[in-house]
Amino acid sequence: MFWKTSLYGVSLVLICLSVTASGGDEEAETTETLIAEMEPSWIAESLVVSADGTKVACVADLGGTQCVFVDGEAGPQYDSIGPEGVVLSADGKRVGYIASTGDEWLLVVDGKEDKHYDRAGGLMFSDDGKRVAYVASTGDKWFVVVDGKEGKAYDGIVAGIGFSPDGTRFVHGARDGGKELMVVDGVEGKRYDGIPGFKFSPDSKTLVYGAVVGDEQFLVVNGEEGKHYRMVGGLSFSANSEKVAYVAGLGEGWFIVADGVEGTTYTGGIGGPFYSPDGTRLAHAALEDGKWFVLDDGKAGKRYDHVIAVFTFSPDGQKLAYVAGLPDTQFVVVNGEEGKAYGRIDPRTLVFSSDSTTLAYTAQLGGGELVVVNGRECDSYDRILNGGKAVFDSADSLHYVAVDGDEVYRVDVPLK
């Protein structure tokens, strides 16, 4: 066995510092629950764990063949498992992967095999986990397979594939005869020289994608073309889907376009934008005279050598957090206050509690990773899984999944 499932549910109690809602310090019991212990044949990079720590899966190398283990149970053996490894649905209930046998590739979801193709990849589930899609090819033609049904074949699939947030719509880009187009629920759109990417609004009603014609780029919103620029990108919707902002460039300058209004031009560069939860504030980064700074509704913050233009607002919209510093030394800035510097901080791990009083993120320190909660460090592990992101179970507690050596833990941290 590659998994010692008898170790499930074993808990250890550690002591680490937490922060109360009032800001005072107190010792809190942090509980480690051993989810699984792995043996040497596991492929470490393939390990995936559901956000709640209840489902664990990885690829195992059996010497000439590979298989997927899910909660200690081995799946069928194949020549290889695709480079994307194991994919879990958002709720952790479904498991899928692409496998090869001979010269053919096939999808395996929840233990059931789909049709064999010459090539396959790009597996994804809808947000609700009910639908599944991937890209496949036969000969020199490519197509998408959605819920087991093959779409029209094209010269290539471009700009990715995706479900709308509510799972009712599906889109992908395609290359056909030297041109690129978006295919929305099987309906082909206008052909352009290029399709850089796309994004759905949170309410799933609006589809926006970039288009290229010659040396110009522009957005296409529900089929309607916007103003042409030298470059467009960085698209962001407000939470209520009523506002949209993006980065655009003309000549040597860059600026934010928010609801059709062009903002201040910067010649150095620009990053973002991101809306606050209520859509009333807009944050983005700008480069001027060799320094980066963040603008929150036009108000400029401190200048840094480096700012990662991924911003996190607290649920109440009162706090803005981002990562700044140097490429090899980074720290979190919350409403202008700088935290401790670490080797690296992924801004995508920044998350606030529902009551906006607590901020957690994952940082690299030495050769390990640790979760930082309101500036206080929890224990270091080899790796924090699920993108390094902690999950708030309530305003009073959070948990994350970590790997230490061959052991995988769910770590629960009380906050009050």
Protein backbone atom coordinates (compact mmCIF):
# COMPACT_ATOMS: atom_id res chain seq x y z
CA MET A 1 0.00 0.00 0.00
CA PHE A 2 1.14 3.52 -0.77
CA TRP A 3 -1.21 4.97 1.85
CA LYS A 4 -1.39 3.97 5.50
CA THR A 5 -5.07 4.65 5.97
CA SER A 6 -4.99 3.36 9.52
CA LEU A 7 -3.43 6.68 10.45
CA TYR A 8 -6.53 8.66 9.49
CA GLY A 9 -7.99 10.66 12.35
CA VAL A 10 -4.87 10.66 14.54
CA SER A 11 -4.57 14.12 16.10
CA LEU A 12 -1.78 16.03 17.75
CA VAL A 13 -2.27 19.21 19.76
CA LEU A 14 0.31 21.94 19.31
CA ILE A 15 0.59 25.40 20.80
CA CYS A 16 0.84 28.48 18.60
CA LEU A 17 -0.04 32.12 18.97
CA SER A 18 -3.36 33.41 17.69
CA VAL A 19 -4.94 36.85 17.78
CA THR A 20 -8.25 37.66 19.40
CA ALA A 21 -10.81 39.90 17.74
CA SER A 22 -9.84 42.69 20.08
CA GLY A 23 -6.19 42.37 19.03
CA GLY A 24 -4.84 40.83 22.22
CA ASP A 25 -2.49 37.86 22.27
CA GLU A 26 -3.39 34.49 23.71
CA GLU A 27 -2.17 30.94 23.38
CA ALA A 28 -4.47 28.75 21.31
CA GLU A 29 -4.41 25.01 20.81
CA THR A 30 -3.74 24.22 17.16
CA THR A 31 -4.77 20.70 16.21
CA GLU A 32 -2.98 18.56 13.63
CA THR A 33 -5.03 15.70 12.21
CA LEU A 34 -3.02 13.18 10.24
CA ILE A 35 -4.86 12.61 6.95
CA ALA A 36 -2.43 10.17 5.33
CA GLU A 37 1.13 8.91 5.34
CA MET A 38 2.75 8.25 2.02
CA GLU A 39 5.39 5.71 1.01
CA PRO A 40 8.33 6.25 -1.39
CA SER A 41 6.55 5.43 -4.66
CA TRP A 42 4.19 8.41 -4.50
CA ILE A 43 4.85 11.37 -6.81
CA ALA A 44 4.96 14.31 -4.42
CA GLU A 45 4.04 16.96 -6.97
CA SER A 46 0.83 15.11 -7.85
CA LEU A 47 -0.71 15.20 -4.36
CA VAL A 48 -4.11 16.89 -4.17
CA VAL A 49 -6.36 17.21 -1.12
CA SER A 50 -9.90 18.54 -0.89
CA ALA A 51 -10.21 21.86 0.92
CA ASP A 52 -11.76 20.19 3.98
CA GLY A 53 -9.05 17.53 4.08
CA THR A 54 -11.46 14.63 3.64
CA LYS A 55 -10.27 13.39 0.23
CA VAL A 56 -6.66 12.73 -0.70
CA ALA A 57 -5.40 11.66 -4.12
CA CYS A 58 -2.07 11.30 -5.91
CA VAL A 59 -0.32 9.55 -8.78
CA ALA A 60 1.81 6.53 -7.91
CA ASP A 61 4.66 5.20 -10.03
CA LEU A 62 4.54 1.42 -10.08
CA GLY A 63 7.64 0.89 -12.19
CA GLY A 64 6.60 0.95 -15.83
CA THR A 65 2.99 1.86 -15.12
CA GLN A 66 1.17 4.48 -13.08
CA CYS A 67 -2.10 4.61 -11.20
CA VAL A 68 -4.09 7.06 -9.10
CA PHE A 69 -4.69 6.41 -5.41
CA VAL A 70 -7.81 7.99 -3.88
CA ASP A 71 -8.19 7.73 -0.11
CA GLY A 72 -5.92 4.70 -0.08
CA GLU A 73 -7.67 2.84 -2.89
CA ALA A 74 -5.67 2.15 -6.06
CA GLY A 75 -7.27 2.80 -9.42
CA PRO A 76 -6.48 0.86 -12.61
CA GLN A 77 -2.95 0.89 -13.96
CA TYR A 78 -2.10 2.84 -17.13
CA ASP A 79 1.06 3.52 -19.09
CA SER A 80 1.06 7.04 -17.63
CA ILE A 81 -1.12 9.69 -16.02
CA GLY A 82 -1.27 13.02 -17.88
CA PRO A 83 0.97 15.93 -16.81
CA GLU A 84 -1.93 17.78 -15.14
CA GLY A 85 -2.22 14.89 -12.67
CA VAL A 86 -5.33 14.44 -10.56
CA VAL A 87 -8.13 17.04 -10.64
CA LEU A 88 -10.69 17.35 -7.84
CA SER A 89 -14.01 19.13 -8.17
CA ALA A 90 -14.38 22.24 -5.99
CA ASP A 91 -16.42 20.35 -3.39
CA GLY A 92 -13.87 17.53 -3.34
CA LYS A 93 -16.44 14.87 -4.18
CA ARG A 94 -15.34 14.05 -7.73
CA VAL A 95 -11.97 12.89 -9.01
CA GLY A 96 -10.74 12.98 -12.59
CA TYR A 97 -7.55 12.51 -14.57
CA ILE A 98 -6.27 11.87 -18.09
CA ALA A 99 -4.42 8.59 -18.67
CA SER A 100 -2.58 6.94 -21.55
CA THR A 101 -2.64 3.41 -22.79
CA GLY A 102 -0.50 2.60 -25.78
CA ASP A 103 -0.81 5.50 -28.23
CA GLU A 104 -4.21 6.60 -26.90
CA TRP A 105 -5.43 8.91 -24.14
CA LEU A 106 -8.65 8.76 -22.17
CA LEU A 107 -10.52 10.55 -19.40
CA VAL A 108 -11.20 8.76 -16.12
CA VAL A 109 -13.78 10.39 -13.81
CA ASP A 110 -14.98 8.81 -10.59
CA GLY A 111 -13.39 5.56 -11.73
CA LYS A 112 -15.22 5.43 -15.08
CA GLU A 113 -13.35 5.50 -18.38
CA ASP A 114 -14.40 7.70 -21.31
CA LYS A 115 -13.67 7.23 -25.01
CA HIS A 116 -10.06 6.84 -26.22
CA TYR A 117 -8.46 9.59 -28.34
CA ASP A 118 -5.12 10.32 -29.99
CA ARG A 119 -4.48 13.07 -27.41
CA ALA A 120 -6.39 14.58 -24.49
CA GLY A 121 -5.90 17.16 -21.73
CA GLY A 122 -7.23 20.31 -20.08
CA LEU A 123 -9.62 18.49 -17.73
CA MET A 124 -11.90 20.74 -15.66
CA PHE A 125 -15.09 20.51 -13.59
CA SER A 126 -17.79 23.17 -13.37
CA ASP A 127 -17.84 25.05 -10.06
CA ASP A 128 -20.73 22.94 -8.77
CA GLY A 129 -18.92 19.74 -9.80
CA LYS A 130 -21.81 18.49 -11.90
CA ARG A 131 -20.23 18.96 -15.32
CA VAL A 132 -16.87 17.99 -16.80
CA ALA A 133 -15.01 19.08 -19.92
CA TYR A 134 -11.67 18.48 -21.58
CA VAL A 135 -9.85 18.87 -24.91
CA ALA A 136 -9.20 15.92 -27.24
CA SER A 137 -7.93 15.26 -30.74
CA THR A 138 -8.22 12.72 -33.51
CA GLY A 139 -5.62 13.03 -36.24
CA ASP A 140 -4.79 16.71 -36.74
CA LYS A 141 -8.16 18.05 -35.52
CA TRP A 142 -9.01 19.21 -31.99
CA PHE A 143 -12.35 19.52 -30.21
CA VAL A 144 -13.84 19.77 -26.73
CA VAL A 145 -15.71 17.00 -24.98
CA VAL A 146 -18.38 18.33 -22.59
CA ASP A 147 -20.37 15.92 -20.46
CA GLY A 148 -19.33 13.12 -22.81
CA LYS A 149 -20.41 14.91 -26.01
CA GLU A 150 -17.88 15.88 -28.68
CA GLY A 151 -17.98 19.38 -30.11
CA LYS A 152 -17.04 20.54 -33.59
CA ALA A 153 -13.48 19.80 -34.68
CA TYR A 154 -11.05 22.68 -35.36
CA ASP A 155 -7.40 23.18 -36.27
CA GLY A 156 -6.75 23.93 -32.59
CA ILE A 157 -8.35 24.90 -29.31
CA VAL A 158 -7.07 28.31 -28.08
CA ALA A 159 -7.60 30.68 -25.14
CA GLY A 160 -8.64 27.79 -22.89
CA ILE A 161 -12.01 26.29 -22.02
CA GLY A 162 -14.40 27.27 -19.26
CA PHE A 163 -17.78 26.95 -17.59
CA SER A 164 -19.73 29.96 -16.38
CA PRO A 165 -19.83 30.32 -12.57
CA ASP A 166 -23.35 28.86 -12.43
CA GLY A 167 -22.29 25.96 -14.66
CA THR A 168 -24.99 26.53 -17.27
CA ARG A 169 -22.74 27.88 -20.04
CA PHE A 170 -19.57 26.58 -21.65
CA VAL A 171 -17.11 28.41 -23.90
CA HIS A 172 -13.81 27.79 -25.62
CA GLY A 173 -11.61 29.44 -28.20
CA ALA A 174 -10.79 27.77 -31.52
CA ARG A 175 -8.41 28.23 -34.43
CA ASP A 176 -9.93 27.71 -37.86
CA GLY A 177 -8.27 28.47 -41.18
CA GLY A 178 -5.73 30.89 -39.71
CA LYS A 179 -8.33 32.82 -37.67
CA GLU A 180 -9.48 32.50 -34.07
CA LEU A 181 -13.00 32.63 -32.65
CA MET A 182 -14.98 32.04 -29.47
CA VAL A 183 -17.51 29.22 -29.37
CA VAL A 184 -20.26 29.88 -26.81
CA ASP A 185 -22.53 26.95 -26.02
CA GLY A 186 -21.69 25.54 -29.45
CA VAL A 187 -22.41 28.80 -31.32
CA GLU A 188 -19.48 30.30 -33.21
CA GLY A 189 -18.61 33.96 -32.85
CA LYS A 190 -16.85 36.35 -35.20
CA ARG A 191 -13.38 35.42 -36.43
CA TYR A 192 -10.36 37.52 -35.45
CA ASP A 193 -6.59 37.41 -35.84
CA GLY A 194 -6.30 36.31 -32.21
CA ILE A 195 -8.29 35.60 -29.03
CA PRO A 196 -6.04 36.20 -25.96
CA GLY A 197 -8.51 35.04 -23.32
CA PHE A 198 -11.98 35.36 -21.80
CA LYS A 199 -13.87 35.82 -18.54
CA PHE A 200 -17.43 35.44 -17.29
CA SER A 201 -19.10 37.91 -14.94
CA PRO A 202 -19.90 36.54 -11.45
CA ASP A 203 -23.60 36.29 -12.35
CA SER A 204 -22.71 34.33 -15.53
CA LYS A 205 -24.72 36.71 -17.72
CA THR A 206 -21.81 38.53 -19.34
CA LEU A 207 -18.97 36.99 -21.34
CA VAL A 208 -16.01 39.24 -22.14
CA TYR A 209 -13.05 38.21 -24.26
CA GLY A 210 -10.12 39.91 -25.89
CA ALA A 211 -9.75 40.10 -29.66
CA VAL A 212 -6.86 41.04 -31.95
CA VAL A 213 -7.10 42.64 -35.38
CA GLY A 214 -3.76 43.55 -36.89
CA ASP A 215 -1.84 45.65 -34.36
CA GLU A 216 -4.93 46.50 -32.32
CA GLN A 217 -6.70 44.81 -29.41
CA PHE A 218 -10.14 45.33 -27.88
CA LEU A 219 -12.76 43.68 -25.72
CA VAL A 220 -15.86 41.93 -27.00
CA VAL A 221 -18.69 42.11 -24.45
CA ASN A 222 -21.57 39.73 -25.14
CA GLY A 223 -20.71 39.98 -28.84
CA GLU A 224 -20.28 43.78 -28.99
CA GLU A 225 -16.83 45.16 -29.82
CA GLY A 226 -15.31 47.90 -27.67
CA LYS A 227 -12.78 50.62 -28.39
CA HIS A 228 -9.55 49.55 -30.08
CA TYR A 229 -6.22 49.93 -28.25
CA ARG A 230 -2.62 48.83 -28.62
CA MET A 231 -3.18 46.27 -25.85
CA VAL A 232 -5.94 45.20 -23.45
CA GLY A 233 -5.86 42.85 -20.46
CA GLY A 234 -6.28 42.49 -16.68
CA LEU A 235 -10.07 42.29 -16.81
CA SER A 236 -12.00 42.57 -13.53
CA PHE A 237 -15.70 42.55 -12.64
CA SER A 238 -17.33 43.95 -9.54
CA ALA A 239 -18.99 41.32 -7.33
CA ASN A 240 -22.47 42.36 -8.49
CA SER A 241 -21.34 42.08 -12.15
CA GLU A 242 -22.45 45.66 -12.86
CA LYS A 243 -18.97 47.17 -13.28
CA VAL A 244 -15.99 46.13 -15.38
CA ALA A 245 -12.44 47.48 -15.50
CA TYR A 246 -9.37 46.52 -17.48
CA VAL A 247 -5.89 47.65 -18.52
CA ALA A 248 -5.39 49.31 -21.90
CA GLY A 249 -2.50 50.85 -23.76
CA LEU A 250 -2.16 53.60 -26.35
CA GLY A 251 1.15 54.81 -27.74
CA GLU A 252 3.70 54.48 -24.93
CA GLY A 253 1.18 54.84 -22.12
CA TRP A 254 -0.94 52.50 -19.98
CA PHE A 255 -4.13 53.23 -18.07
CA ILE A 256 -7.21 51.68 -16.48
CA VAL A 257 -10.54 51.75 -18.30
CA ALA A 258 -13.36 51.57 -15.72
CA ASP A 259 -16.92 51.47 -17.03
CA GLY A 260 -15.68 52.96 -20.30
CA VAL A 261 -13.79 55.86 -18.70
CA GLU A 262 -10.03 56.03 -19.29
CA GLY A 263 -7.94 56.83 -16.22
CA THR A 264 -4.52 58.43 -15.69
CA THR A 265 -1.79 57.35 -18.12
CA TYR A 266 1.46 55.85 -16.83
CA THR A 267 4.44 55.26 -19.10
CA GLY A 268 6.20 52.72 -16.87
CA GLY A 269 3.46 50.12 -16.59
CA ILE A 270 0.26 49.24 -14.81
CA GLY A 271 -1.26 46.20 -13.04
CA GLY A 272 -4.63 45.12 -11.77
CA PRO A 273 -7.39 46.27 -11.43
CA PHE A 274 -9.55 44.84 -8.59
CA TYR A 275 -12.89 46.03 -7.19
CA SER A 276 -13.89 46.08 -3.53
CA PRO A 277 -16.75 43.68 -2.65
CA ASP A 278 -19.39 46.41 -2.91
CA GLY A 279 -17.88 47.76 -6.14
CA THR A 280 -17.33 51.25 -4.75
CA ARG A 281 -13.51 51.13 -4.71
CA LEU A 282 -11.05 50.20 -7.42
CA ALA A 283 -7.41 49.33 -6.76
CA HIS A 284 -4.57 48.96 -9.24
CA ALA A 285 -0.78 49.24 -9.37
CA ALA A 286 1.33 51.62 -11.44
CA LEU A 287 5.03 51.99 -12.27
CA GLU A 288 6.58 55.43 -12.35
CA ASP A 289 10.24 56.45 -12.21
CA GLY A 290 11.28 52.86 -11.53
CA LYS A 291 9.01 52.40 -8.50
CA TRP A 292 5.69 50.59 -8.09
CA PHE A 293 2.81 51.87 -6.00
CA VAL A 294 -0.83 51.02 -5.44
CA LEU A 295 -3.68 53.40 -6.15
CA ASP A 296 -6.85 52.88 -4.12
CA ASP A 297 -9.58 54.92 -5.78
CA GLY A 298 -6.86 57.18 -7.17
CA LYS A 299 -5.05 57.67 -3.85
CA ALA A 300 -1.41 56.60 -4.22
CA GLY A 301 0.30 54.49 -1.57
CA LYS A 302 3.96 54.07 -0.67
CA ARG A 303 6.39 53.30 -3.48
CA TYR A 304 8.22 49.98 -3.63
CA ASP A 305 10.70 48.20 -5.86
CA HIS A 306 8.13 45.49 -6.46
CA VAL A 307 4.34 45.15 -6.15
CA ILE A 308 2.40 42.04 -7.17
CA ALA A 309 -0.78 43.39 -8.75
CA VAL A 310 -3.18 40.95 -7.10
CA PHE A 311 -5.28 42.69 -4.46
CA THR A 312 -7.53 41.38 -1.68
CA PHE A 313 -10.26 43.44 -0.04
CA SER A 314 -11.83 42.47 3.26
CA PRO A 315 -15.53 41.49 3.01
CA ASP A 316 -16.58 44.81 4.53
CA GLY A 317 -14.42 46.67 2.01
CA GLN A 318 -12.50 48.54 4.70
CA LYS A 319 -9.14 46.80 4.29
CA LEU A 320 -6.97 46.42 1.21
CA ALA A 321 -4.12 43.89 1.27
CA TYR A 322 -1.38 43.21 -1.27
CA VAL A 323 2.21 41.94 -1.51
CA ALA A 324 5.16 44.31 -2.03
CA GLY A 325 8.93 44.41 -1.56
CA LEU A 326 11.74 42.92 -3.63
CA PRO A 327 11.64 39.82 -5.85
CA ASP A 328 13.48 37.81 -3.15
CA THR A 329 12.01 39.54 -0.08
CA GLN A 330 8.30 40.20 0.16
CA PHE A 331 5.79 41.39 2.74
CA VAL A 332 2.06 42.03 3.02
CA VAL A 333 0.76 45.59 3.13
CA VAL A 334 -2.66 46.11 4.79
CA ASN A 335 -4.06 49.65 4.57
CA GLY A 336 -0.51 50.96 4.33
CA GLU A 337 0.93 48.88 7.22
CA GLU A 338 3.81 46.57 6.27
CA GLY A 339 4.07 43.08 7.72
CA LYS A 340 7.14 40.91 8.28
CA ALA A 341 9.33 40.18 5.27
CA TYR A 342 9.59 36.62 3.94
CA GLY A 343 11.33 34.90 1.06
CA ARG A 344 8.13 34.72 -0.96
CA ILE A 345 4.41 35.34 -0.44
CA ASP A 346 1.86 34.26 -3.02
CA PRO A 347 -0.79 37.04 -3.05
CA ARG A 348 -3.43 34.50 -4.09
CA THR A 349 -3.20 33.01 -0.58
CA LEU A 350 -4.37 36.21 1.13
CA VAL A 351 -7.80 35.64 2.66
CA PHE A 352 -9.90 37.55 5.22
CA SER A 353 -12.33 36.08 7.71
CA SER A 354 -16.04 36.73 7.10
CA ASP A 355 -16.10 39.42 9.80
CA SER A 356 -13.02 41.11 8.25
CA THR A 357 -11.03 41.01 11.51
CA THR A 358 -8.51 38.34 10.56
CA LEU A 359 -6.12 38.05 7.60
CA ALA A 360 -4.32 34.80 6.81
CA TYR A 361 -1.73 34.03 4.15
CA THR A 362 1.07 31.58 3.39
CA ALA A 363 4.73 32.60 3.31
CA GLN A 364 8.03 30.89 2.56
CA LEU A 365 10.56 30.89 5.38
CA GLY A 366 13.83 29.02 4.98
CA GLY A 367 13.06 25.77 3.19
CA GLY A 368 9.46 25.55 4.38
CA GLU A 369 6.09 27.26 4.26
CA LEU A 370 3.92 28.56 7.07
CA VAL A 371 0.55 30.20 7.54
CA VAL A 372 0.56 33.69 9.05
CA VAL A 373 -2.58 34.76 10.91
CA ASN A 374 -2.86 38.49 11.70
CA GLY A 375 0.93 38.67 11.70
CA ARG A 376 1.45 35.63 13.94
CA GLU A 377 3.28 32.61 12.58
CA CYS A 378 1.94 29.08 12.82
CA ASP A 379 4.23 26.06 12.51
CA SER A 380 6.32 25.56 9.40
CA TYR A 381 5.74 22.64 7.02
CA ASP A 382 7.37 21.43 3.85
CA ARG A 383 4.39 22.62 1.85
CA ILE A 384 0.93 24.13 2.34
CA LEU A 385 -1.47 22.52 -0.13
CA ASN A 386 -4.50 23.78 -2.05
CA GLY A 387 -2.57 26.69 -3.45
CA GLY A 388 -1.32 27.55 0.03
CA LYS A 389 -4.70 28.98 0.97
CA ALA A 390 -6.23 28.65 4.43
CA VAL A 391 -9.98 28.17 4.78
CA PHE A 392 -12.03 30.06 7.37
CA ASP A 393 -14.60 27.67 8.83
CA SER A 394 -16.07 30.63 10.74
CA ALA A 395 -14.90 33.95 12.12
CA ASP A 396 -13.53 31.95 15.07
CA SER A 397 -11.47 29.27 13.32
CA LEU A 398 -9.57 28.36 10.17
CA HIS A 399 -7.81 25.31 8.79
CA TYR A 400 -5.34 24.41 6.08
CA VAL A 401 -3.77 21.25 4.66
CA ALA A 402 -0.02 20.74 4.98
CA VAL A 403 2.69 18.22 4.08
CA ASP A 404 5.56 17.43 6.44
CA GLY A 405 7.88 14.74 5.12
CA ASP A 406 5.67 11.80 4.16
CA GLU A 407 2.76 12.94 6.31
CA VAL A 408 -0.26 14.99 5.27
CA TYR A 409 -2.14 16.95 7.93
CA ARG A 410 -5.26 19.01 8.34
CA VAL A 411 -4.28 21.83 10.70
CA ASP A 412 -7.10 23.57 12.63
CA VAL A 413 -6.36 26.96 14.20
CA PRO A 414 -8.81 28.53 16.68
CA LEU A 415 -8.83 32.33 16.49
CA LYS A 416 -10.64 33.27 19.70
